[in-house]
Amino acid sequence: MKIHDLKCWPRYFEAIVHGKKTFEVRYNDRGYRIGDELILREYDINKKEYTRRQTRVRVTDMFNDFGLLSGWVVMSIEPLL
């Protein structure tokens, strides 16, 4: 199990925190695996800086088909309390 520290744009961060977004789409340049933890740090794209908000989630499933470009993955995620 690895822990990945990732930027997360405010719109998506809010949706994840409120349970409306239960997946993450990423280029798999980090070798993501089921069971990995993601530290999602809110990143203000206009100011080009991190806010102080973050959340942790666990990868529960992964998909790399369904018409995704090579190297991309959809990860099902669940919050870590």
C-alpha atoms as a PDB file:
ATOM      1  CA  MET A   1       0.000   0.000   0.000  1.00  0.00           C
ATOM      2  CA  LYS A   2       1.303   3.425  -0.985  1.00  0.00           C
ATOM      3  CA  ILE A   3       0.225   6.914   0.013  1.00  0.00           C
ATOM      4  CA  HIS A   4      -0.034   9.415  -2.852  1.00  0.00           C
ATOM      5  CA  ASP A   5      -0.110  13.182  -2.255  1.00  0.00           C
ATOM      6  CA  LEU A   6      -2.177  14.828  -5.016  1.00  0.00           C
ATOM      7  CA  LYS A   7      -3.513  18.223  -6.042  1.00  0.00           C
ATOM      8  CA  CYS A   8      -7.287  18.480  -6.224  1.00  0.00           C
ATOM      9  CA  TRP A   9      -9.132  21.420  -7.766  1.00  0.00           C
ATOM     10  CA  PRO A  10     -11.716  23.075  -5.476  1.00  0.00           C
ATOM     11  CA  ARG A  11     -14.797  21.990  -7.462  1.00  0.00           C
ATOM     12  CA  TYR A  12     -13.790  18.323  -7.277  1.00  0.00           C
ATOM     13  CA  PHE A  13     -12.503  18.593  -3.713  1.00  0.00           C
ATOM     14  CA  GLU A  14     -15.905  19.869  -2.531  1.00  0.00           C
ATOM     15  CA  ALA A  15     -17.721  17.057  -4.333  1.00  0.00           C
ATOM     16  CA  ILE A  16     -15.460  14.424  -2.746  1.00  0.00           C
ATOM     17  CA  VAL A  17     -15.762  15.911   0.760  1.00  0.00           C
ATOM     18  CA  HIS A  18     -19.568  15.972   0.471  1.00  0.00           C
ATOM     19  CA  GLY A  19     -19.761  12.396  -0.855  1.00  0.00           C
ATOM     20  CA  LYS A  20     -21.007  13.368  -4.328  1.00  0.00           C
ATOM     21  CA  LYS A  21     -17.848  12.276  -6.183  1.00  0.00           C
ATOM     22  CA  THR A  22     -16.711   8.732  -5.383  1.00  0.00           C
ATOM     23  CA  PHE A  23     -14.090   8.298  -8.082  1.00  0.00           C
ATOM     24  CA  GLU A  24     -10.860   9.869  -9.261  1.00  0.00           C
ATOM     25  CA  VAL A  25      -9.563   9.908 -12.861  1.00  0.00           C
ATOM     26  CA  ARG A  26      -5.795  10.179 -13.148  1.00  0.00           C
ATOM     27  CA  TYR A  27      -2.923   9.390 -15.447  1.00  0.00           C
ATOM     28  CA  ASN A  28      -1.357   6.313 -13.870  1.00  0.00           C
ATOM     29  CA  ASP A  29       2.219   7.543 -13.684  1.00  0.00           C
ATOM     30  CA  ARG A  30       2.423   6.615  -9.990  1.00  0.00           C
ATOM     31  CA  GLY A  31       1.472   2.947 -10.157  1.00  0.00           C
ATOM     32  CA  TYR A  32      -1.829   3.301  -8.307  1.00  0.00           C
ATOM     33  CA  ARG A  33      -3.215   0.094  -6.799  1.00  0.00           C
ATOM     34  CA  ILE A  34      -6.322  -1.012  -4.936  1.00  0.00           C
ATOM     35  CA  GLY A  35      -5.758  -0.302  -1.241  1.00  0.00           C
ATOM     36  CA  ASP A  36      -3.569   2.765  -1.825  1.00  0.00           C
ATOM     37  CA  GLU A  37      -4.406   5.950   0.034  1.00  0.00           C
ATOM     38  CA  LEU A  38      -4.723   9.323  -1.671  1.00  0.00           C
ATOM     39  CA  ILE A  39      -4.121  12.548   0.202  1.00  0.00           C
ATOM     40  CA  LEU A  40      -6.133  15.035  -1.834  1.00  0.00           C
ATOM     41  CA  ARG A  41      -4.949  18.572  -1.173  1.00  0.00           C
ATOM     42  CA  GLU A  42      -7.182  21.373  -2.401  1.00  0.00           C
ATOM     43  CA  TYR A  43      -5.296  23.504  -4.947  1.00  0.00           C
ATOM     44  CA  ASP A  44      -6.534  26.917  -6.069  1.00  0.00           C
ATOM     45  CA  ILE A  45      -5.799  26.963  -9.803  1.00  0.00           C
ATOM     46  CA  ASN A  46      -6.315  30.728 -10.067  1.00  0.00           C
ATOM     47  CA  LYS A  47      -3.888  31.632  -7.266  1.00  0.00           C
ATOM     48  CA  LYS A  48      -1.608  28.695  -8.124  1.00  0.00           C
ATOM     49  CA  GLU A  49      -1.308  27.679  -4.493  1.00  0.00           C
ATOM     50  CA  TYR A  50      -2.622  25.130  -2.042  1.00  0.00           C
ATOM     51  CA  THR A  51      -5.389  25.992   0.364  1.00  0.00           C
ATOM     52  CA  ARG A  52      -5.043  24.414   3.796  1.00  0.00           C
ATOM     53  CA  ARG A  53      -7.782  21.866   3.150  1.00  0.00           C
ATOM     54  CA  GLN A  54      -7.115  18.195   2.548  1.00  0.00           C
ATOM     55  CA  THR A  55      -8.862  14.845   2.783  1.00  0.00           C
ATOM     56  CA  ARG A  56      -7.745  11.204   2.682  1.00  0.00           C
ATOM     57  CA  VAL A  57      -9.390   8.474   0.656  1.00  0.00           C
ATOM     58  CA  ARG A  58      -8.693   4.812  -0.100  1.00  0.00           C
ATOM     59  CA  VAL A  59      -8.738   3.281  -3.583  1.00  0.00           C
ATOM     60  CA  THR A  60     -11.331   0.488  -3.543  1.00  0.00           C
ATOM     61  CA  ASP A  61     -11.375  -0.485  -7.233  1.00  0.00           C
ATOM     62  CA  MET A  62      -9.722   0.477 -10.514  1.00  0.00           C
ATOM     63  CA  PHE A  63     -10.691   0.516 -14.167  1.00  0.00           C
ATOM     64  CA  ASN A  64      -8.506   1.185 -17.179  1.00  0.00           C
ATOM     65  CA  ASP A  65     -10.838   0.332 -20.034  1.00  0.00           C
ATOM     66  CA  PHE A  66     -14.197   1.750 -21.196  1.00  0.00           C
ATOM     67  CA  GLY A  67     -12.548   3.900 -23.856  1.00  0.00           C
ATOM     68  CA  LEU A  68      -9.918   5.515 -21.636  1.00  0.00           C
ATOM     69  CA  LEU A  69      -6.733   6.639 -23.308  1.00  0.00           C
ATOM     70  CA  SER A  70      -3.718   4.445 -22.668  1.00  0.00           C
ATOM     71  CA  GLY A  71      -2.192   5.069 -19.237  1.00  0.00           C
ATOM     72  CA  TRP A  72      -5.318   6.580 -17.659  1.00  0.00           C
ATOM     73  CA  VAL A  73      -7.260   4.984 -14.823  1.00  0.00           C
ATOM     74  CA  VAL A  74     -10.544   5.506 -12.981  1.00  0.00           C
ATOM     75  CA  MET A  75     -10.256   4.769  -9.268  1.00  0.00           C
ATOM     76  CA  SER A  76     -13.264   4.156  -7.028  1.00  0.00           C
ATOM     77  CA  ILE A  77     -12.568   5.866  -3.714  1.00  0.00           C
ATOM     78  CA  GLU A  78     -13.956   5.854  -0.179  1.00  0.00           C
ATOM     79  CA  PRO A  79     -13.273   8.407   2.564  1.00  0.00           C
ATOM     80  CA  LEU A  80     -10.958   7.568   5.437  1.00  0.00           C
ATOM     81  CA  LEU A  81     -12.256   8.864   8.739  1.00  0.00           C
END
